[in-house]
PDB file of all heavy atoms in Angstrom:
ATOM      1  N   ILE A   1      39.189  30.071  36.244  1.00  0.00           N
ATOM      2  CA  ILE A   1      38.822  29.057  37.231  1.00  0.00           C
ATOM      3  C   ILE A   1      38.243  27.854  36.488  1.00  0.00           C
ATOM      4  O   ILE A   1      37.291  27.988  35.708  1.00  0.00           O
ATOM      5  CB  ILE A   1      37.822  29.620  38.247  1.00  0.00           C
ATOM      6  CG1 ILE A   1      38.457  30.822  38.965  1.00  0.00           C
ATOM      7  CG2 ILE A   1      37.408  28.551  39.252  1.00  0.00           C
ATOM      8  CD1 ILE A   1      37.545  31.532  39.921  1.00  0.00           C
ATOM      9  N   ARG A   2      38.830  26.681  36.735  1.00  0.00           N
ATOM     10  CA  ARG A   2      38.489  25.489  35.977  1.00  0.00           C
ATOM     11  C   ARG A   2      38.117  24.325  36.899  1.00  0.00           C
ATOM     12  O   ARG A   2      38.593  24.255  38.030  1.00  0.00           O
ATOM     13  CB  ARG A   2      39.666  25.066  35.088  1.00  0.00           C
ATOM     14  CG  ARG A   2      40.122  26.138  34.116  1.00  0.00           C
ATOM     15  CD  ARG A   2      41.359  25.685  33.339  1.00  0.00           C
ATOM     16  NE  ARG A   2      41.750  26.655  32.320  1.00  0.00           N
ATOM     17  CZ  ARG A   2      42.745  26.467  31.465  1.00  0.00           C
ATOM     18  NH1 ARG A   2      43.449  25.332  31.497  1.00  0.00           N
ATOM     19  NH2 ARG A   2      43.030  27.386  30.561  1.00  0.00           N
ATOM     20  N   ILE A   3      37.301  23.425  36.381  1.00  0.00           N
ATOM     21  CA  ILE A   3      36.996  22.173  37.071  1.00  0.00           C
ATOM     22  C   ILE A   3      37.304  21.017  36.126  1.00  0.00           C
ATOM     23  O   ILE A   3      37.360  21.193  34.904  1.00  0.00           O
ATOM     24  CB  ILE A   3      35.529  22.106  37.542  1.00  0.00           C
ATOM     25  CG1 ILE A   3      34.577  22.178  36.331  1.00  0.00           C
ATOM     26  CG2 ILE A   3      35.228  23.210  38.536  1.00  0.00           C
ATOM     27  CD1 ILE A   3      33.119  21.954  36.677  1.00  0.00           C
ATOM     28  N   SER A   4      37.524  19.842  36.668  1.00  0.00           N
ATOM     29  CA  SER A   4      37.850  18.678  35.835  1.00  0.00           C
ATOM     30  C   SER A   4      36.832  17.573  36.048  1.00  0.00           C
ATOM     31  O   SER A   4      36.257  17.426  37.122  1.00  0.00           O
ATOM     32  CB  SER A   4      39.255  18.152  36.175  1.00  0.00           C
ATOM     33  OG  SER A   4      39.296  17.658  37.501  1.00  0.00           O
ATOM     34  N   TRP A   5      36.609  16.801  34.972  1.00  0.00           N
ATOM     35  CA  TRP A   5      35.812  15.574  35.067  1.00  0.00           C
ATOM     36  C   TRP A   5      36.112  14.695  33.869  1.00  0.00           C
ATOM     37  O   TRP A   5      36.618  15.157  32.844  1.00  0.00           O
ATOM     38  CB  TRP A   5      34.312  15.880  35.164  1.00  0.00           C
ATOM     39  CG  TRP A   5      33.654  16.291  33.871  1.00  0.00           C
ATOM     40  CD1 TRP A   5      33.234  15.481  32.852  1.00  0.00           C
ATOM     41  CD2 TRP A   5      33.335  17.625  33.447  1.00  0.00           C
ATOM     42  NE1 TRP A   5      32.667  16.218  31.844  1.00  0.00           N
ATOM     43  CE2 TRP A   5      32.718  17.537  32.180  1.00  0.00           C
ATOM     44  CE3 TRP A   5      33.494  18.877  34.028  1.00  0.00           C
ATOM     45  CZ2 TRP A   5      32.273  18.651  31.476  1.00  0.00           C
ATOM     46  CZ3 TRP A   5      33.050  19.983  33.325  1.00  0.00           C
ATOM     47  CH2 TRP A   5      32.448  19.866  32.079  1.00  0.00           C
ATOM     48  N   GLN A   6      35.805  13.410  34.019  1.00  0.00           N
ATOM     49  CA  GLN A   6      35.868  12.450  32.927  1.00  0.00           C
ATOM     50  C   GLN A   6      34.434  12.025  32.615  1.00  0.00           C
ATOM     51  O   GLN A   6      33.672  11.690  33.521  1.00  0.00           O
ATOM     52  CB  GLN A   6      36.712  11.232  33.312  1.00  0.00           C
ATOM     53  CG  GLN A   6      38.132  11.578  33.751  1.00  0.00           C
ATOM     54  CD  GLN A   6      38.937  12.250  32.657  1.00  0.00           C
ATOM     55  OE1 GLN A   6      38.874  11.845  31.503  1.00  0.00           O
ATOM     56  NE2 GLN A   6      39.692  13.281  33.013  1.00  0.00           N
ATOM     57  N   PRO A   7      34.022  12.028  31.349  1.00  0.00           N
ATOM     58  CA  PRO A   7      32.609  11.816  31.012  1.00  0.00           C
ATOM     59  C   PRO A   7      32.169  10.359  31.142  1.00  0.00           C
ATOM     60  O   PRO A   7      32.958   9.430  31.034  1.00  0.00           O
ATOM     61  CB  PRO A   7      32.539  12.265  29.547  1.00  0.00           C
ATOM     62  CG  PRO A   7      33.914  11.995  29.018  1.00  0.00           C
ATOM     63  CD  PRO A   7      34.854  12.281  30.156  1.00  0.00           C
ATOM     64  N   HIS A   8      30.875  10.184  31.381  1.00  0.00           N
ATOM     65  CA  HIS A   8      30.242   8.862  31.368  1.00  0.00           C
ATOM     66  C   HIS A   8      28.747   9.063  31.202  1.00  0.00           C
ATOM     67  O   HIS A   8      28.192  10.088  31.611  1.00  0.00           O
ATOM     68  CB  HIS A   8      30.529   8.099  32.669  1.00  0.00           C
ATOM     69  CG  HIS A   8      30.203   6.638  32.585  1.00  0.00           C
ATOM     70  ND1 HIS A   8      28.917   6.161  32.752  1.00  0.00           N
ATOM     71  CD2 HIS A   8      30.979   5.556  32.346  1.00  0.00           C
ATOM     72  CE1 HIS A   8      28.913   4.848  32.615  1.00  0.00           C
ATOM     73  NE2 HIS A   8      30.153   4.456  32.365  1.00  0.00           N
ATOM     74  N   ALA A   9      28.077   8.058  30.611  1.00  0.00           N
ATOM     75  CA  ALA A   9      26.652   8.178  30.314  1.00  0.00           C
ATOM     76  C   ALA A   9      25.780   8.294  31.555  1.00  0.00           C
ATOM     77  O   ALA A   9      24.662   8.816  31.482  1.00  0.00           O
ATOM     78  CB  ALA A   9      26.201   6.985  29.470  1.00  0.00           C
ATOM     79  N   ASN A  10      26.261   7.801  32.725  1.00  0.00           N
ATOM     80  CA  ASN A  10      25.415   7.822  33.925  1.00  0.00           C
ATOM     81  C   ASN A  10      25.513   9.148  34.686  1.00  0.00           C
ATOM     82  O   ASN A  10      24.975   9.273  35.769  1.00  0.00           O
ATOM     83  CB  ASN A  10      25.756   6.653  34.855  1.00  0.00           C
ATOM     84  CG  ASN A  10      27.150   6.764  35.469  1.00  0.00           C
ATOM     85  OD1 ASN A  10      27.882   7.726  35.238  1.00  0.00           O
ATOM     86  ND2 ASN A  10      27.521   5.768  36.250  1.00  0.00           N
ATOM     87  N   ARG A  11      26.182  10.127  34.115  1.00  0.00           N
ATOM     88  CA  ARG A  11      26.426  11.377  34.839  1.00  0.00           C
ATOM     89  C   ARG A  11      25.430  12.460  34.451  1.00  0.00           C
ATOM     90  O   ARG A  11      24.726  12.359  33.450  1.00  0.00           O
ATOM     91  CB  ARG A  11      27.866  11.813  34.597  1.00  0.00           C
ATOM     92  CG  ARG A  11      28.775  10.788  35.246  1.00  0.00           C
ATOM     93  CD  ARG A  11      30.233  10.908  35.016  1.00  0.00           C
ATOM     94  NE  ARG A  11      30.883   9.788  35.718  1.00  0.00           N
ATOM     95  CZ  ARG A  11      32.137   9.473  35.617  1.00  0.00           C
ATOM     96  NH1 ARG A  11      32.940  10.168  34.828  1.00  0.00           N
ATOM     97  NH2 ARG A  11      32.626   8.458  36.293  1.00  0.00           N
ATOM     98  N   SER A  12      25.389  13.476  35.250  1.00  0.00           N
ATOM     99  CA  SER A  12      24.388  14.523  35.085  1.00  0.00           C
ATOM    100  C   SER A  12      24.678  15.379  33.853  1.00  0.00           C
ATOM    101  O   SER A  12      25.822  15.761  33.607  1.00  0.00           O
ATOM    102  CB  SER A  12      24.351  15.411  36.330  1.00  0.00           C
ATOM    103  OG  SER A  12      23.497  16.507  36.131  1.00  0.00           O
ATOM    104  N   THR A  13      23.621  15.702  33.128  1.00  0.00           N
ATOM    105  CA  THR A  13      23.752  16.617  31.994  1.00  0.00           C
ATOM    106  C   THR A  13      23.527  18.063  32.419  1.00  0.00           C
ATOM    107  O   THR A  13      23.664  18.974  31.604  1.00  0.00           O
ATOM    108  CB  THR A  13      22.747  16.265  30.889  1.00  0.00           C
ATOM    109  OG1 THR A  13      21.410  16.479  31.380  1.00  0.00           O
ATOM    110  CG2 THR A  13      22.902  14.816  30.451  1.00  0.00           C
ATOM    111  N   GLN A  14      23.158  18.274  33.680  1.00  0.00           N
ATOM    112  CA  GLN A  14      22.855  19.628  34.149  1.00  0.00           C
ATOM    113  C   GLN A  14      23.351  19.807  35.590  1.00  0.00           C
ATOM    114  O   GLN A  14      22.568  20.050  36.498  1.00  0.00           O
ATOM    115  CB  GLN A  14      21.356  19.906  34.019  1.00  0.00           C
ATOM    116  CG  GLN A  14      20.461  18.811  34.596  1.00  0.00           C
ATOM    117  CD  GLN A  14      19.011  19.007  34.243  1.00  0.00           C
ATOM    118  OE1 GLN A  14      18.679  19.518  33.176  1.00  0.00           O
ATOM    119  NE2 GLN A  14      18.115  18.628  35.156  1.00  0.00           N
ATOM    120  N   SER A  15      24.665  19.701  35.743  1.00  0.00           N
ATOM    121  CA  SER A  15      25.278  19.873  37.063  1.00  0.00           C
ATOM    122  C   SER A  15      25.511  21.364  37.319  1.00  0.00           C
ATOM    123  O   SER A  15      26.149  22.045  36.516  1.00  0.00           O
ATOM    124  CB  SER A  15      26.611  19.118  37.129  1.00  0.00           C
ATOM    125  OG  SER A  15      26.419  17.744  36.921  1.00  0.00           O
ATOM    126  N   ARG A  16      25.009  21.831  38.424  1.00  0.00           N
ATOM    127  CA  ARG A  16      25.156  23.254  38.781  1.00  0.00           C
ATOM    128  C   ARG A  16      26.450  23.470  39.566  1.00  0.00           C
ATOM    129  O   ARG A  16      26.701  22.806  40.563  1.00  0.00           O
ATOM    130  CB  ARG A  16      23.955  23.707  39.606  1.00  0.00           C
ATOM    131  CG  ARG A  16      22.637  23.670  38.858  1.00  0.00           C
ATOM    132  CD  ARG A  16      21.473  23.832  39.805  1.00  0.00           C
ATOM    133  NE  ARG A  16      21.610  25.022  40.638  1.00  0.00           N
ATOM    134  CZ  ARG A  16      21.141  25.123  41.881  1.00  0.00           C
ATOM    135  NH1 ARG A  16      20.535  24.078  42.445  1.00  0.00           N
ATOM    136  NH2 ARG A  16      21.288  26.240  42.565  1.00  0.00           N
ATOM    137  N   ILE A  17      27.247  24.424  39.076  1.00  0.00           N
ATOM    138  CA  ILE A  17      28.523  24.747  39.710  1.00  0.00           C
ATOM    139  C   ILE A  17      28.514  26.231  40.059  1.00  0.00           C
ATOM    140  O   ILE A  17      28.292  27.081  39.190  1.00  0.00           O
ATOM    141  CB  ILE A  17      29.722  24.453  38.780  1.00  0.00           C
ATOM    142  CG1 ILE A  17      29.573  23.076  38.105  1.00  0.00           C
ATOM    143  CG2 ILE A  17      31.021  24.561  39.559  1.00  0.00           C
ATOM    144  CD1 ILE A  17      29.627  21.907  39.041  1.00  0.00           C
ATOM    145  N   GLN A  18      28.750  26.550  41.315  1.00  0.00           N
ATOM    146  CA  GLN A  18      28.749  27.942  41.766  1.00  0.00           C
ATOM    147  C   GLN A  18      30.161  28.404  42.109  1.00  0.00           C
ATOM    148  O   GLN A  18      30.971  27.628  42.635  1.00  0.00           O
ATOM    149  CB  GLN A  18      27.867  28.108  42.997  1.00  0.00           C
ATOM    150  CG  GLN A  18      26.390  27.899  42.743  1.00  0.00           C
ATOM    151  CD  GLN A  18      25.558  28.062  44.005  1.00  0.00           C
ATOM    152  OE1 GLN A  18      26.079  27.986  45.126  1.00  0.00           O
ATOM    153  NE2 GLN A  18      24.256  28.267  43.839  1.00  0.00           N
ATOM    154  N   LEU A  19      30.442  29.664  41.790  1.00  0.00           N
ATOM    155  CA  LEU A  19      31.647  30.329  42.282  1.00  0.00           C
ATOM    156  C   LEU A  19      31.224  31.300  43.371  1.00  0.00           C
ATOM    157  O   LEU A  19      30.354  32.159  43.140  1.00  0.00           O
ATOM    158  CB  LEU A  19      32.356  31.084  41.157  1.00  0.00           C
ATOM    159  CG  LEU A  19      33.524  31.973  41.599  1.00  0.00           C
ATOM    160  CD1 LEU A  19      34.648  31.143  42.209  1.00  0.00           C
ATOM    161  CD2 LEU A  19      34.035  32.817  40.437  1.00  0.00           C
ATOM    162  N   LYS A  20      31.819  31.145  44.548  1.00  0.00           N
ATOM    163  CA  LYS A  20      31.512  32.031  45.667  1.00  0.00           C
ATOM    164  C   LYS A  20      32.749  32.827  46.060  1.00  0.00           C
ATOM    165  O   LYS A  20      33.860  32.288  46.072  1.00  0.00           O
ATOM    166  CB  LYS A  20      31.028  31.228  46.883  1.00  0.00           C
ATOM    167  CG  LYS A  20      29.661  30.584  46.716  1.00  0.00           C
ATOM    168  CD  LYS A  20      29.234  29.895  48.021  1.00  0.00           C
ATOM    169  CE  LYS A  20      27.823  29.346  47.918  1.00  0.00           C
ATOM    170  NZ  LYS A  20      27.392  28.713  49.199  1.00  0.00           N
ATOM    171  N   ILE A  21      32.547  34.089  46.384  1.00  0.00           N
ATOM    172  CA  ILE A  21      33.595  34.937  46.949  1.00  0.00           C
ATOM    173  C   ILE A  21      33.065  35.480  48.264  1.00  0.00           C
ATOM    174  O   ILE A  21      32.007  36.127  48.308  1.00  0.00           O
ATOM    175  CB  ILE A  21      33.976  36.098  46.009  1.00  0.00           C
ATOM    176  CG1 ILE A  21      34.399  35.563  44.643  1.00  0.00           C
ATOM    177  CG2 ILE A  21      35.082  36.945  46.645  1.00  0.00           C
ATOM    178  CD1 ILE A  21      35.639  34.710  44.664  1.00  0.00           C
ATOM    179  N   ASP A  22      33.808  35.173  49.338  1.00  0.00           N
ATOM    180  CA  ASP A  22      33.371  35.561  50.691  1.00  0.00           C
ATOM    181  C   ASP A  22      31.921  35.152  50.924  1.00  0.00           C
ATOM    182  O   ASP A  22      31.086  35.936  51.400  1.00  0.00           O
ATOM    183  CB  ASP A  22      33.566  37.062  50.911  1.00  0.00           C
ATOM    184  CG  ASP A  22      35.027  37.431  51.109  1.00  0.00           C
ATOM    185  OD1 ASP A  22      35.848  36.513  51.326  1.00  0.00           O
ATOM    186  OD2 ASP A  22      35.358  38.625  51.028  1.00  0.00           O
ATOM    187  N   GLU A  23      31.628  33.884  50.539  1.00  0.00           N
ATOM    188  CA  GLU A  23      30.331  33.238  50.756  1.00  0.00           C
ATOM    189  C   GLU A  23      29.214  33.741  49.851  1.00  0.00           C
ATOM    190  O   GLU A  23      28.103  33.197  49.882  1.00  0.00           O
ATOM    191  CB  GLU A  23      29.884  33.364  52.234  1.00  0.00           C
ATOM    192  CG  GLU A  23      30.836  32.717  53.233  1.00  0.00           C
ATOM    193  CD  GLU A  23      30.992  31.213  52.999  1.00  0.00           C
ATOM    194  OE1 GLU A  23      30.035  30.581  52.530  1.00  0.00           O
ATOM    195  OE2 GLU A  23      32.083  30.698  53.279  1.00  0.00           O
ATOM    196  N   ALA A  24      29.450  34.762  49.033  1.00  0.00           N
ATOM    197  CA  ALA A  24      28.416  35.264  48.133  1.00  0.00           C
ATOM    198  C   ALA A  24      28.574  34.611  46.751  1.00  0.00           C
ATOM    199  O   ALA A  24      29.693  34.528  46.219  1.00  0.00           O
ATOM    200  CB  ALA A  24      28.495  36.775  48.007  1.00  0.00           C
ATOM    201  N   VAL A  25      27.470  34.154  46.166  1.00  0.00           N
ATOM    202  CA  VAL A  25      27.516  33.548  44.837  1.00  0.00           C
ATOM    203  C   VAL A  25      27.703  34.647  43.794  1.00  0.00           C
ATOM    204  O   VAL A  25      26.880  35.561  43.680  1.00  0.00           O
ATOM    205  CB  VAL A  25      26.226  32.758  44.543  1.00  0.00           C
ATOM    206  CG1 VAL A  25      26.274  32.189  43.121  1.00  0.00           C
ATOM    207  CG2 VAL A  25      26.039  31.636  45.558  1.00  0.00           C
ATOM    208  N   VAL A  26      28.801  34.571  43.035  1.00  0.00           N
ATOM    209  CA  VAL A  26      29.063  35.571  42.004  1.00  0.00           C
ATOM    210  C   VAL A  26      28.817  35.014  40.606  1.00  0.00           C
ATOM    211  O   VAL A  26      28.728  35.767  39.638  1.00  0.00           O
ATOM    212  CB  VAL A  26      30.512  36.106  42.100  1.00  0.00           C
ATOM    213  CG1 VAL A  26      30.731  36.794  43.434  1.00  0.00           C
ATOM    214  CG2 VAL A  26      31.530  34.994  41.904  1.00  0.00           C
ATOM    215  N   ARG A  27      28.712  33.694  40.502  1.00  0.00           N
ATOM    216  CA  ARG A  27      28.424  33.104  39.192  1.00  0.00           C
ATOM    217  C   ARG A  27      27.931  31.677  39.389  1.00  0.00           C
ATOM    218  O   ARG A  27      28.404  30.960  40.276  1.00  0.00           O
ATOM    219  CB  ARG A  27      29.670  33.112  38.312  1.00  0.00           C
ATOM    220  CG  ARG A  27      29.415  32.514  36.921  1.00  0.00           C
ATOM    221  CD  ARG A  27      30.494  32.867  35.957  1.00  0.00           C
ATOM    222  NE  ARG A  27      30.209  32.392  34.619  1.00  0.00           N
ATOM    223  CZ  ARG A  27      30.859  32.759  33.528  1.00  0.00           C
ATOM    224  NH1 ARG A  27      31.846  33.635  33.622  1.00  0.00           N
ATOM    225  NH2 ARG A  27      30.536  32.278  32.346  1.00  0.00           N
ATOM    226  N   GLU A  28      26.967  31.270  38.551  1.00  0.00           N
ATOM    227  CA  GLU A  28      26.536  29.871  38.526  1.00  0.00           C
ATOM    228  C   GLU A  28      26.575  29.375  37.086  1.00  0.00           C
ATOM    229  O   GLU A  28      26.098  30.049  36.170  1.00  0.00           O
ATOM    230  CB  GLU A  28      25.134  29.697  39.105  1.00  0.00           C
ATOM    231  CG  GLU A  28      24.666  28.239  39.087  1.00  0.00           C
ATOM    232  CD  GLU A  28      23.407  27.992  39.919  1.00  0.00           C
ATOM    233  OE1 GLU A  28      23.413  28.378  41.111  1.00  0.00           O
ATOM    234  OE2 GLU A  28      22.441  27.435  39.375  1.00  0.00           O
ATOM    235  N   THR A  29      27.174  28.207  36.891  1.00  0.00           N
ATOM    236  CA  THR A  29      27.326  27.607  35.574  1.00  0.00           C
ATOM    237  C   THR A  29      26.711  26.219  35.598  1.00  0.00           C
ATOM    238  O   THR A  29      26.792  25.520  36.607  1.00  0.00           O
ATOM    239  CB  THR A  29      28.819  27.496  35.200  1.00  0.00           C
ATOM    240  OG1 THR A  29      29.424  28.779  35.328  1.00  0.00           O
ATOM    241  CG2 THR A  29      28.999  27.003  33.773  1.00  0.00           C
ATOM    242  N   VAL A  30      26.114  25.811  34.495  1.00  0.00           N
ATOM    243  CA  VAL A  30      25.587  24.458  34.355  1.00  0.00           C
ATOM    244  C   VAL A  30      26.462  23.710  33.361  1.00  0.00           C
ATOM    245  O   VAL A  30      26.712  24.192  32.247  1.00  0.00           O
ATOM    246  CB  VAL A  30      24.124  24.468  33.871  1.00  0.00           C
ATOM    247  CG1 VAL A  30      23.623  23.046  33.648  1.00  0.00           C
ATOM    248  CG2 VAL A  30      23.245  25.182  34.884  1.00  0.00           C
ATOM    249  N   VAL A  31      26.987  22.538  33.766  1.00  0.00           N
ATOM    250  CA  VAL A  31      27.868  21.755  32.898  1.00  0.00           C
ATOM    251  C   VAL A  31      27.263  20.371  32.669  1.00  0.00           C
ATOM    252  O   VAL A  31      26.441  19.894  33.455  1.00  0.00           O
ATOM    253  CB  VAL A  31      29.288  21.617  33.489  1.00  0.00           C
ATOM    254  CG1 VAL A  31      29.930  22.985  33.669  1.00  0.00           C
ATOM    255  CG2 VAL A  31      29.273  20.858  34.805  1.00  0.00           C
ATOM    256  N   ASN A  32      27.692  19.747  31.588  1.00  0.00           N
ATOM    257  CA  ASN A  32      27.206  18.421  31.189  1.00  0.00           C
ATOM    258  C   ASN A  32      28.308  17.400  31.420  1.00  0.00           C
ATOM    259  O   ASN A  32      29.280  17.342  30.674  1.00  0.00           O
ATOM    260  CB  ASN A  32      26.799  18.442  29.713  1.00  0.00           C
ATOM    261  CG  ASN A  32      26.182  17.133  29.263  1.00  0.00           C
ATOM    262  OD1 ASN A  32      26.250  16.117  29.953  1.00  0.00           O
ATOM    263  ND2 ASN A  32      25.585  17.128  28.082  1.00  0.00           N
ATOM    264  N   HIS A  33      28.162  16.576  32.459  1.00  0.00           N
ATOM    265  CA  HIS A  33      29.195  15.603  32.810  1.00  0.00           C
ATOM    266  C   HIS A  33      29.176  14.358  31.935  1.00  0.00           C
ATOM    267  O   HIS A  33      30.007  13.472  32.123  1.00  0.00           O
ATOM    268  CB  HIS A  33      29.057  15.194  34.281  1.00  0.00           C
ATOM    269  CG  HIS A  33      29.601  16.210  35.232  1.00  0.00           C
ATOM    270  ND1 HIS A  33      29.036  16.450  36.462  1.00  0.00           N
ATOM    271  CD2 HIS A  33      30.642  17.059  35.136  1.00  0.00           C
ATOM    272  CE1 HIS A  33      29.717  17.391  37.085  1.00  0.00           C
ATOM    273  NE2 HIS A  33      30.692  17.785  36.296  1.00  0.00           N
ATOM    274  N   THR A  34      28.231  14.261  31.001  1.00  0.00           N
ATOM    275  CA  THR A  34      28.252  13.135  30.067  1.00  0.00           C
ATOM    276  C   THR A  34      29.148  13.424  28.872  1.00  0.00           C
ATOM    277  O   THR A  34      29.457  12.512  28.090  1.00  0.00           O
ATOM    278  CB  THR A  34      26.833  12.804  29.547  1.00  0.00           C
ATOM    279  OG1 THR A  34      26.364  13.858  28.691  1.00  0.00           O
ATOM    280  CG2 THR A  34      25.864  12.599  30.694  1.00  0.00           C
ATOM    281  N   GLU A  35      29.541  14.678  28.684  1.00  0.00           N
ATOM    282  CA  GLU A  35      30.377  15.057  27.555  1.00  0.00           C
ATOM    283  C   GLU A  35      31.783  15.397  28.036  1.00  0.00           C
ATOM    284  O   GLU A  35      31.977  15.827  29.180  1.00  0.00           O
ATOM    285  CB  GLU A  35      29.774  16.266  26.837  1.00  0.00           C
ATOM    286  CG  GLU A  35      28.409  15.969  26.222  1.00  0.00           C
ATOM    287  CD  GLU A  35      27.824  17.170  25.502  1.00  0.00           C
ATOM    288  OE1 GLU A  35      28.388  18.276  25.668  1.00  0.00           O
ATOM    289  OE2 GLU A  35      26.834  17.003  24.786  1.00  0.00           O
ATOM    290  N   PRO A  36      32.793  15.225  27.171  1.00  0.00           N
ATOM    291  CA  PRO A  36      34.169  15.550  27.581  1.00  0.00           C
ATOM    292  C   PRO A  36      34.293  17.021  27.954  1.00  0.00           C
ATOM    293  O   PRO A  36      33.661  17.895  27.342  1.00  0.00           O
ATOM    294  CB  PRO A  36      34.997  15.232  26.332  1.00  0.00           C
ATOM    295  CG  PRO A  36      34.155  14.291  25.527  1.00  0.00           C
ATOM    296  CD  PRO A  36      32.735  14.675  25.799  1.00  0.00           C
ATOM    297  N   ALA A  37      35.104  17.300  28.976  1.00  0.00           N
ATOM    298  CA  ALA A  37      35.415  18.680  29.299  1.00  0.00           C
ATOM    299  C   ALA A  37      36.175  19.302  28.123  1.00  0.00           C
ATOM    300  O   ALA A  37      36.814  18.607  27.333  1.00  0.00           O
ATOM    301  CB  ALA A  37      36.238  18.748  30.578  1.00  0.00           C
ATOM    302  N   LEU A  38      36.128  20.612  28.005  1.00  0.00           N
ATOM    303  CA  LEU A  38      36.563  21.276  26.779  1.00  0.00           C
ATOM    304  C   LEU A  38      38.074  21.482  26.681  1.00  0.00           C
ATOM    305  O   LEU A  38      38.592  21.707  25.586  1.00  0.00           O
ATOM    306  CB  LEU A  38      35.856  22.639  26.673  1.00  0.00           C
ATOM    307  CG  LEU A  38      34.316  22.569  26.620  1.00  0.00           C
ATOM    308  CD1 LEU A  38      33.728  23.972  26.596  1.00  0.00           C
ATOM    309  CD2 LEU A  38      33.856  21.781  25.407  1.00  0.00           C
ATOM    310  N   LEU A  39      38.778  21.432  27.789  1.00  0.00           N
ATOM    311  CA  LEU A  39      40.201  21.745  27.781  1.00  0.00           C
ATOM    312  C   LEU A  39      41.046  20.501  28.006  1.00  0.00           C
ATOM    313  O   LEU A  39      40.558  19.478  28.494  1.00  0.00           O
ATOM    314  CB  LEU A  39      40.519  22.784  28.873  1.00  0.00           C
ATOM    315  CG  LEU A  39      39.754  24.109  28.749  1.00  0.00           C
ATOM    316  CD1 LEU A  39      40.033  24.987  29.964  1.00  0.00           C
ATOM    317  CD2 LEU A  39      40.137  24.834  27.462  1.00  0.00           C
ATOM    318  N   LYS A  40      42.311  20.586  27.651  1.00  0.00           N
ATOM    319  CA  LYS A  40      43.244  19.475  27.798  1.00  0.00           C
ATOM    320  C   LYS A  40      43.274  18.994  29.254  1.00  0.00           C
ATOM    321  O   LYS A  40      43.248  19.786  30.178  1.00  0.00           O
ATOM    322  CB  LYS A  40      44.636  19.912  27.357  1.00  0.00           C
ATOM    323  CG  LYS A  40      45.675  18.813  27.412  1.00  0.00           C
ATOM    324  CD  LYS A  40      47.026  19.330  26.941  1.00  0.00           C
ATOM    325  CE  LYS A  40      48.087  18.235  27.022  1.00  0.00           C
ATOM    326  NZ  LYS A  40      49.413  18.725  26.578  1.00  0.00           N
ATOM    327  N   GLY A  41      43.357  17.673  29.416  1.00  0.00           N
ATOM    328  CA  GLY A  41      43.444  17.112  30.761  1.00  0.00           C
ATOM    329  C   GLY A  41      42.111  16.970  31.455  1.00  0.00           C
ATOM    330  O   GLY A  41      42.058  16.724  32.665  1.00  0.00           O
ATOM    331  N   GLY A  42      41.004  17.107  30.716  1.00  0.00           N
ATOM    332  CA  GLY A  42      39.693  16.932  31.334  1.00  0.00           C
ATOM    333  C   GLY A  42      39.212  18.134  32.119  1.00  0.00           C
ATOM    334  O   GLY A  42      38.368  17.998  33.010  1.00  0.00           O
TER     335      GLY A  42
END
């Protein structure tokens, strides 16, 4: 499961992203939107 973004200095360094299955949170990840995403295509 992947998300995309393009980096910029005005963006959050600690954006919380949750994965929910049937409304229950099964995982929470913190990503840095000021840095390039790690995979091809952002």
